[in-house]
Amino acid sequence: MFTKFWTASKGGGSGLGLYIVSGLVKAHGGVVTVDDRPGGGARVVTAWPVAETGEDR
């Protein structure tokens, strides 16, 4: 699902969306997860790390 040109159906997508999302999130130290969505479909969640500011240190 996170590889280049992966598509689940013949819906007409390029297969690059989740590949790009995954690369950007991982490059910033985050995580992407995919779960079943209640009622059908998929739920894609991105978790990004929180940067510390000078006030938090």
PDB file of N, CA and C in Angstrom:
ATOM      1  N   MET A   1       0.815  -1.189   0.000  1.00  0.00           N
ATOM      2  CA  MET A   1       0.000   0.000   0.000  1.00  0.00           C
ATOM      3  C   MET A   1       0.860   1.254   0.000  1.00  0.00           C
ATOM      4  N   PHE A   2       2.039   1.190   0.599  1.00  0.00           N
ATOM      5  CA  PHE A   2       2.915   2.360   0.651  1.00  0.00           C
ATOM      6  C   PHE A   2       4.033   2.282  -0.384  1.00  0.00           C
ATOM      7  N   THR A   3       3.885   1.408  -1.378  1.00  0.00           N
ATOM      8  CA  THR A   3       4.885   1.303  -2.432  1.00  0.00           C
ATOM      9  C   THR A   3       4.431   2.119  -3.647  1.00  0.00           C
ATOM     10  N   LYS A   4       5.372   2.476  -4.499  1.00  0.00           N
ATOM     11  CA  LYS A   4       5.053   3.250  -5.703  1.00  0.00           C
ATOM     12  C   LYS A   4       4.077   2.492  -6.585  1.00  0.00           C
ATOM     13  N   PHE A   5       3.108   3.201  -7.101  1.00  0.00           N
ATOM     14  CA  PHE A   5       2.164   2.716  -8.095  1.00  0.00           C
ATOM     15  C   PHE A   5       1.225   1.617  -7.604  1.00  0.00           C
ATOM     16  N   TRP A   6       1.066   1.465  -6.278  1.00  0.00           N
ATOM     17  CA  TRP A   6       0.154   0.463  -5.730  1.00  0.00           C
ATOM     18  C   TRP A   6      -1.268   0.996  -5.819  1.00  0.00           C
ATOM     19  N   THR A   7      -2.157   0.201  -6.382  1.00  0.00           N
ATOM     20  CA  THR A   7      -3.573   0.563  -6.418  1.00  0.00           C
ATOM     21  C   THR A   7      -4.396  -0.646  -6.017  1.00  0.00           C
ATOM     22  N   ALA A   8      -5.500  -0.398  -5.350  1.00  0.00           N
ATOM     23  CA  ALA A   8      -6.373  -1.473  -4.885  1.00  0.00           C
ATOM     24  C   ALA A   8      -7.435  -1.821  -5.919  1.00  0.00           C
ATOM     25  N   SER A   9      -7.686  -0.926  -6.832  1.00  0.00           N
ATOM     26  CA  SER A   9      -8.738  -1.160  -7.820  1.00  0.00           C
ATOM     27  C   SER A   9      -8.396  -0.447  -9.113  1.00  0.00           C
ATOM     28  N   LYS A  10      -9.314  -0.499 -10.033  1.00  0.00           N
ATOM     29  CA  LYS A  10      -9.119   0.167 -11.322  1.00  0.00           C
ATOM     30  C   LYS A  10      -9.766   1.545 -11.306  1.00  0.00           C
ATOM     31  N   GLY A  11      -9.718   2.218 -10.150  1.00  0.00           N
ATOM     32  CA  GLY A  11     -10.374   3.496  -9.980  1.00  0.00           C
ATOM     33  C   GLY A  11      -9.717   4.666 -10.672  1.00  0.00           C
ATOM     34  N   GLY A  12      -8.515   4.495 -11.187  1.00  0.00           N
ATOM     35  CA  GLY A  12      -7.898   5.560 -11.956  1.00  0.00           C
ATOM     36  C   GLY A  12      -6.862   6.380 -11.233  1.00  0.00           C
ATOM     37  N   GLY A  13      -6.456   6.006 -10.024  1.00  0.00           N
ATOM     38  CA  GLY A  13      -5.412   6.752  -9.334  1.00  0.00           C
ATOM     39  C   GLY A  13      -4.036   6.373  -9.856  1.00  0.00           C
ATOM     40  N   SER A  14      -3.051   7.193  -9.540  1.00  0.00           N
ATOM     41  CA  SER A  14      -1.680   6.929  -9.996  1.00  0.00           C
ATOM     42  C   SER A  14      -0.943   5.964  -9.086  1.00  0.00           C
ATOM     43  N   GLY A  15      -1.442   5.764  -7.871  1.00  0.00           N
ATOM     44  CA  GLY A  15      -0.762   4.883  -6.934  1.00  0.00           C
ATOM     45  C   GLY A  15       0.407   5.545  -6.238  1.00  0.00           C
ATOM     46  N   LEU A  16       0.436   6.863  -6.224  1.00  0.00           N
ATOM     47  CA  LEU A  16       1.554   7.575  -5.592  1.00  0.00           C
ATOM     48  C   LEU A  16       1.174   8.292  -4.298  1.00  0.00           C
ATOM     49  N   GLY A  17      -0.096   8.485  -4.036  1.00  0.00           N
ATOM     50  CA  GLY A  17      -0.528   9.289  -2.886  1.00  0.00           C
ATOM     51  C   GLY A  17       0.000   8.801  -1.548  1.00  0.00           C
ATOM     52  N   LEU A  18      -0.281   7.552  -1.184  1.00  0.00           N
ATOM     53  CA  LEU A  18       0.166   7.037   0.110  1.00  0.00           C
ATOM     54  C   LEU A  18       1.669   6.823   0.146  1.00  0.00           C
ATOM     55  N   TYR A  19       2.280   6.571  -1.007  1.00  0.00           N
ATOM     56  CA  TYR A  19       3.736   6.462  -1.086  1.00  0.00           C
ATOM     57  C   TYR A  19       4.381   7.791  -0.682  1.00  0.00           C
ATOM     58  N   ILE A  20       3.859   8.890  -1.218  1.00  0.00           N
ATOM     59  CA  ILE A  20       4.393  10.223  -0.907  1.00  0.00           C
ATOM     60  C   ILE A  20       4.116  10.585   0.551  1.00  0.00           C
ATOM     61  N   VAL A  21       2.894  10.339   1.004  1.00  0.00           N
ATOM     62  CA  VAL A  21       2.541  10.625   2.406  1.00  0.00           C
ATOM     63  C   VAL A  21       3.463   9.868   3.345  1.00  0.00           C
ATOM     64  N   SER A  22       3.647   8.584   3.098  1.00  0.00           N
ATOM     65  CA  SER A  22       4.493   7.760   3.954  1.00  0.00           C
ATOM     66  C   SER A  22       5.928   8.293   3.997  1.00  0.00           C
ATOM     67  N   GLY A  23       6.464   8.653   2.845  1.00  0.00           N
ATOM     68  CA  GLY A  23       7.828   9.171   2.791  1.00  0.00           C
ATOM     69  C   GLY A  23       7.991  10.466   3.566  1.00  0.00           C
ATOM     70  N   LEU A  24       7.040  11.376   3.419  1.00  0.00           N
ATOM     71  CA  LEU A  24       7.115  12.656   4.140  1.00  0.00           C
ATOM     72  C   LEU A  24       6.987  12.467   5.649  1.00  0.00           C
ATOM     73  N   VAL A  25       6.028  11.648   6.060  1.00  0.00           N
ATOM     74  CA  VAL A  25       5.814  11.432   7.495  1.00  0.00           C
ATOM     75  C   VAL A  25       7.030  10.760   8.122  1.00  0.00           C
ATOM     76  N   LYS A  26       7.562   9.729   7.475  1.00  0.00           N
ATOM     77  CA  LYS A  26       8.736   9.026   8.008  1.00  0.00           C
ATOM     78  C   LYS A  26       9.965   9.927   8.034  1.00  0.00           C
ATOM     79  N   ALA A  27      10.123  10.786   7.030  1.00  0.00           N
ATOM     80  CA  ALA A  27      11.266  11.699   6.987  1.00  0.00           C
ATOM     81  C   ALA A  27      11.261  12.668   8.167  1.00  0.00           C
ATOM     82  N   HIS A  28      10.085  12.933   8.710  1.00  0.00           N
ATOM     83  CA  HIS A  28       9.967  13.842   9.847  1.00  0.00           C
ATOM     84  C   HIS A  28       9.839  13.102  11.175  1.00  0.00           C
ATOM     85  N   GLY A  29      10.073  11.786  11.159  1.00  0.00           N
ATOM     86  CA  GLY A  29      10.051  11.009  12.390  1.00  0.00           C
ATOM     87  C   GLY A  29       8.677  10.545  12.815  1.00  0.00           C
ATOM     88  N   GLY A  30       7.707  10.579  11.926  1.00  0.00           N
ATOM     89  CA  GLY A  30       6.344  10.186  12.256  1.00  0.00           C
ATOM     90  C   GLY A  30       6.015   8.775  11.809  1.00  0.00           C
ATOM     91  N   VAL A  31       4.752   8.416  11.976  1.00  0.00           N
ATOM     92  CA  VAL A  31       4.270   7.076  11.649  1.00  0.00           C
ATOM     93  C   VAL A  31       2.929   7.191  10.932  1.00  0.00           C
ATOM     94  N   VAL A  32       2.710   6.323   9.948  1.00  0.00           N
ATOM     95  CA  VAL A  32       1.429   6.228   9.248  1.00  0.00           C
ATOM     96  C   VAL A  32       0.837   4.864   9.554  1.00  0.00           C
ATOM     97  N   THR A  33      -0.439   4.831   9.954  1.00  0.00           N
ATOM     98  CA  THR A  33      -1.119   3.559  10.186  1.00  0.00           C
ATOM     99  C   THR A  33      -2.413   3.526   9.378  1.00  0.00           C
ATOM    100  N   VAL A  34      -2.817   2.315   9.019  1.00  0.00           N
ATOM    101  CA  VAL A  34      -4.053   2.117   8.273  1.00  0.00           C
ATOM    102  C   VAL A  34      -4.874   1.071   9.000  1.00  0.00           C
ATOM    103  N   ASP A  35      -6.137   1.383   9.266  1.00  0.00           N
ATOM    104  CA  ASP A  35      -7.064   0.476   9.940  1.00  0.00           C
ATOM    105  C   ASP A  35      -8.358   0.413   9.141  1.00  0.00           C
ATOM    106  N   ASP A  36      -9.176  -0.582   9.468  1.00  0.00           N
ATOM    107  CA  ASP A  36     -10.516  -0.634   8.894  1.00  0.00           C
ATOM    108  C   ASP A  36     -11.360   0.487   9.472  1.00  0.00           C
ATOM    109  N   ARG A  37     -12.166   1.097   8.639  1.00  0.00           N
ATOM    110  CA  ARG A  37     -13.078   2.142   9.096  1.00  0.00           C
ATOM    111  C   ARG A  37     -14.429   1.506   9.378  1.00  0.00           C
ATOM    112  N   PRO A  38     -15.042   1.857  10.501  1.00  0.00           N
ATOM    113  CA  PRO A  38     -16.379   1.326  10.771  1.00  0.00           C
ATOM    114  C   PRO A  38     -17.325   1.673   9.614  1.00  0.00           C
ATOM    115  N   GLY A  39     -18.052   0.713   9.134  1.00  0.00           N
ATOM    116  CA  GLY A  39     -18.952   0.942   8.009  1.00  0.00           C
ATOM    117  C   GLY A  39     -18.311   0.677   6.663  1.00  0.00           C
ATOM    118  N   GLY A  40     -17.033   0.310   6.641  1.00  0.00           N
ATOM    119  CA  GLY A  40     -16.347  -0.005   5.391  1.00  0.00           C
ATOM    120  C   GLY A  40     -15.297   1.025   5.041  1.00  0.00           C
ATOM    121  N   GLY A  41     -14.382   0.623   4.220  1.00  0.00           N
ATOM    122  CA  GLY A  41     -13.318   1.522   3.800  1.00  0.00           C
ATOM    123  C   GLY A  41     -12.109   1.440   4.707  1.00  0.00           C
ATOM    124  N   ALA A  42     -11.262   2.441   4.609  1.00  0.00           N
ATOM    125  CA  ALA A  42     -10.025   2.471   5.379  1.00  0.00           C
ATOM    126  C   ALA A  42      -9.897   3.787   6.126  1.00  0.00           C
ATOM    127  N   ARG A  43      -9.157   3.734   7.199  1.00  0.00           N
ATOM    128  CA  ARG A  43      -8.855   4.927   8.000  1.00  0.00           C
ATOM    129  C   ARG A  43      -7.337   5.069   8.032  1.00  0.00           C
ATOM    130  N   VAL A  44      -6.819   6.146   7.481  1.00  0.00           N
ATOM    131  CA  VAL A  44      -5.378   6.403   7.447  1.00  0.00           C
ATOM    132  C   VAL A  44      -5.073   7.486   8.472  1.00  0.00           C
ATOM    133  N   VAL A  45      -4.156   7.181   9.390  1.00  0.00           N
ATOM    134  CA  VAL A  45      -3.818   8.111  10.467  1.00  0.00           C
ATOM    135  C   VAL A  45      -2.329   8.429  10.399  1.00  0.00           C
ATOM    136  N   THR A  46      -1.997   9.705  10.456  1.00  0.00           N
ATOM    137  CA  THR A  46      -0.594  10.114  10.531  1.00  0.00           C
ATOM    138  C   THR A  46      -0.318  10.661  11.919  1.00  0.00           C
ATOM    139  N   ALA A  47       0.798  10.254  12.494  1.00  0.00           N
ATOM    140  CA  ALA A  47       1.230  10.753  13.808  1.00  0.00           C
ATOM    141  C   ALA A  47       2.574  11.448  13.607  1.00  0.00           C
ATOM    142  N   TRP A  48       2.591  12.748  13.867  1.00  0.00           N
ATOM    143  CA  TRP A  48       3.794  13.563  13.688  1.00  0.00           C
ATOM    144  C   TRP A  48       4.390  13.876  15.051  1.00  0.00           C
ATOM    145  N   PRO A  49       5.718  13.882  15.171  1.00  0.00           N
ATOM    146  CA  PRO A  49       6.328  14.251  16.449  1.00  0.00           C
ATOM    147  C   PRO A  49       6.117  15.748  16.725  1.00  0.00           C
ATOM    148  N   VAL A  50       6.079  16.078  17.972  1.00  0.00           N
ATOM    149  CA  VAL A  50       5.898  17.472  18.377  1.00  0.00           C
ATOM    150  C   VAL A  50       7.269  18.075  18.676  1.00  0.00           C
ATOM    151  N   ALA A  51       7.560  19.194  18.063  1.00  0.00           N
ATOM    152  CA  ALA A  51       8.848  19.860  18.278  1.00  0.00           C
ATOM    153  C   ALA A  51       8.816  20.611  19.600  1.00  0.00           C
ATOM    154  N   GLU A  52       9.932  20.586  20.264  1.00  0.00           N
ATOM    155  CA  GLU A  52      10.042  21.359  21.495  1.00  0.00           C
ATOM    156  C   GLU A  52      10.388  22.798  21.150  1.00  0.00           C
ATOM    157  N   THR A  53       9.785  23.721  21.842  1.00  0.00           N
ATOM    158  CA  THR A  53      10.125  25.131  21.651  1.00  0.00           C
ATOM    159  C   THR A  53      11.089  25.537  22.746  1.00  0.00           C
ATOM    160  N   GLY A  54      11.667  26.686  22.609  1.00  0.00           N
ATOM    161  CA  GLY A  54      12.599  27.175  23.619  1.00  0.00           C
ATOM    162  C   GLY A  54      11.973  27.266  25.000  1.00  0.00           C
ATOM    163  N   GLU A  55      10.661  27.518  25.061  1.00  0.00           N
ATOM    164  CA  GLU A  55       9.981  27.646  26.341  1.00  0.00           C
ATOM    165  C   GLU A  55       9.798  26.297  27.035  1.00  0.00           C
ATOM    166  N   ASP A  56       9.758  25.200  26.252  1.00  0.00           N
ATOM    167  CA  ASP A  56       9.506  23.878  26.809  1.00  0.00           C
ATOM    168  C   ASP A  56      10.774  23.211  27.344  1.00  0.00           C
ATOM    169  N   ARG A  57      11.925  23.742  27.031  1.00  0.00           N
ATOM    170  CA  ARG A  57      13.178  23.070  27.411  1.00  0.00           C
ATOM    171  C   ARG A  57      13.599  23.380  28.802  1.00  0.00           C
TER     172      ARG A  57
END
